[in-house]
N, C-alpha and C. Protein backbone atom coordinates (compact mmCIF):
# COMPACT_ATOMS: atom_id res chain seq x y z
N MET A 1 204.32 -91.62 147.67
CA MET A 1 204.77 -90.27 147.92
C MET A 1 206.19 -90.34 148.49
N SER A 2 207.07 -89.53 147.94
CA SER A 2 208.45 -89.54 148.41
C SER A 2 208.57 -88.80 149.75
N ASP A 3 209.66 -89.07 150.43
CA ASP A 3 209.89 -88.43 151.73
C ASP A 3 210.03 -86.91 151.59
N SER A 4 210.73 -86.48 150.54
CA SER A 4 210.92 -85.04 150.37
C SER A 4 209.60 -84.33 150.07
N TYR A 5 208.71 -84.98 149.32
CA TYR A 5 207.40 -84.38 149.04
C TYR A 5 206.56 -84.31 150.31
N ALA A 6 206.64 -85.32 151.14
CA ALA A 6 205.91 -85.32 152.41
C ALA A 6 206.38 -84.16 153.30
N VAL A 7 207.69 -83.91 153.31
CA VAL A 7 208.23 -82.79 154.08
C VAL A 7 207.73 -81.47 153.51
N TYR A 8 207.70 -81.36 152.18
CA TYR A 8 207.22 -80.14 151.53
C TYR A 8 205.76 -79.87 151.88
N ILE A 9 204.92 -80.90 151.81
CA ILE A 9 203.50 -80.74 152.14
C ILE A 9 203.32 -80.37 153.61
N ALA A 10 204.15 -80.94 154.48
CA ALA A 10 204.06 -80.60 155.90
C ALA A 10 204.48 -79.14 156.14
N LYS A 11 205.48 -78.68 155.39
CA LYS A 11 205.98 -77.33 155.56
C LYS A 11 205.05 -76.28 154.93
N TYR A 12 204.45 -76.61 153.79
CA TYR A 12 203.57 -75.69 153.07
C TYR A 12 202.21 -76.34 152.85
N PRO A 13 201.31 -76.29 153.83
CA PRO A 13 199.97 -76.86 153.64
C PRO A 13 199.25 -76.16 152.47
N ILE A 14 198.44 -76.89 151.76
CA ILE A 14 197.78 -76.36 150.57
C ILE A 14 196.95 -75.11 150.88
N LYS A 15 196.26 -75.09 152.00
CA LYS A 15 195.43 -73.94 152.35
C LYS A 15 196.24 -72.68 152.63
N LYS A 16 197.50 -72.83 153.03
CA LYS A 16 198.30 -71.68 153.42
C LYS A 16 199.34 -71.30 152.38
N GLN A 17 199.33 -71.94 151.22
CA GLN A 17 200.28 -71.60 150.18
C GLN A 17 199.97 -70.21 149.64
N ARG A 18 200.98 -69.50 149.27
CA ARG A 18 200.78 -68.19 148.67
C ARG A 18 200.36 -68.41 147.22
N ARG A 19 199.30 -67.79 146.82
CA ARG A 19 198.76 -68.00 145.49
C ARG A 19 199.66 -67.46 144.39
N ARG A 20 200.37 -66.39 144.64
CA ARG A 20 201.26 -65.84 143.61
C ARG A 20 202.44 -66.78 143.35
N GLU A 21 202.94 -67.40 144.40
CA GLU A 21 204.09 -68.28 144.26
C GLU A 21 203.71 -69.68 143.81
N HIS A 22 202.48 -70.09 144.09
CA HIS A 22 202.01 -71.42 143.74
C HIS A 22 200.71 -71.30 142.94
N PRO A 23 200.80 -70.87 141.69
CA PRO A 23 199.56 -70.68 140.92
C PRO A 23 198.87 -72.00 140.62
N THR A 24 197.56 -71.96 140.54
CA THR A 24 196.80 -73.14 140.17
C THR A 24 196.06 -72.86 138.88
N SER A 25 195.91 -73.86 138.07
CA SER A 25 195.20 -73.69 136.81
C SER A 25 193.72 -73.44 137.08
N PRO A 26 193.04 -72.75 136.16
CA PRO A 26 191.62 -72.47 136.35
C PRO A 26 190.79 -73.75 136.37
N ASN A 27 189.70 -73.73 137.11
CA ASN A 27 188.80 -74.87 137.20
C ASN A 27 187.95 -74.93 135.94
N LYS A 28 188.11 -75.99 135.15
CA LYS A 28 187.37 -76.07 133.89
C LYS A 28 185.90 -76.41 134.10
N TYR A 29 185.52 -76.82 135.30
CA TYR A 29 184.12 -77.15 135.58
C TYR A 29 183.34 -75.97 136.14
N ARG A 30 184.01 -74.88 136.43
CA ARG A 30 183.33 -73.68 136.95
C ARG A 30 182.49 -73.06 135.85
N LYS A 31 181.31 -72.60 136.21
CA LYS A 31 180.40 -72.04 135.22
C LYS A 31 180.82 -70.60 134.92
N CYS A 32 181.32 -70.37 133.71
CA CYS A 32 181.66 -69.03 133.25
C CYS A 32 181.74 -69.04 131.73
N SER A 33 181.73 -67.86 131.15
CA SER A 33 181.75 -67.76 129.69
C SER A 33 183.13 -68.13 129.15
N ARG A 34 183.19 -68.32 127.85
CA ARG A 34 184.45 -68.65 127.20
C ARG A 34 185.46 -67.51 127.38
N ARG A 35 184.99 -66.28 127.26
CA ARG A 35 185.87 -65.12 127.43
C ARG A 35 186.41 -65.05 128.85
N CYS A 36 185.56 -65.33 129.82
CA CYS A 36 185.97 -65.34 131.23
C CYS A 36 187.04 -66.41 131.45
N PHE A 37 186.82 -67.61 130.92
CA PHE A 37 187.78 -68.69 131.10
C PHE A 37 189.11 -68.35 130.42
N ASP A 38 189.04 -67.79 129.22
CA ASP A 38 190.27 -67.40 128.52
C ASP A 38 191.05 -66.36 129.32
N GLY A 39 190.34 -65.44 129.96
CA GLY A 39 191.00 -64.45 130.80
C GLY A 39 191.68 -65.09 132.00
N GLN A 40 191.02 -66.05 132.62
CA GLN A 40 191.61 -66.76 133.76
C GLN A 40 192.85 -67.53 133.31
N LEU A 41 192.77 -68.15 132.14
CA LEU A 41 193.89 -68.91 131.59
C LEU A 41 195.07 -67.99 131.29
N ARG A 42 194.79 -66.83 130.72
CA ARG A 42 195.83 -65.86 130.41
C ARG A 42 196.53 -65.39 131.68
N THR A 43 195.75 -65.11 132.71
CA THR A 43 196.31 -64.68 134.00
C THR A 43 197.17 -65.78 134.61
N TRP A 44 196.70 -67.02 134.52
CA TRP A 44 197.42 -68.16 135.09
C TRP A 44 198.76 -68.37 134.39
N ARG A 45 198.80 -68.18 133.09
CA ARG A 45 200.03 -68.41 132.33
C ARG A 45 201.12 -67.41 132.64
N ARG A 46 200.73 -66.21 133.09
CA ARG A 46 201.73 -65.17 133.38
C ARG A 46 202.45 -65.45 134.62
């Protein structure tokens, strides 16, 4: 891990990151229908 990344993680802990600014891809192991997953994927891409 680089020094700059360590500083970033210290400044923005994963639990406190803003979800709009730091989107995460949908969990492919979560139990949901294909349509539900496609909707999550569509929202994530925007």
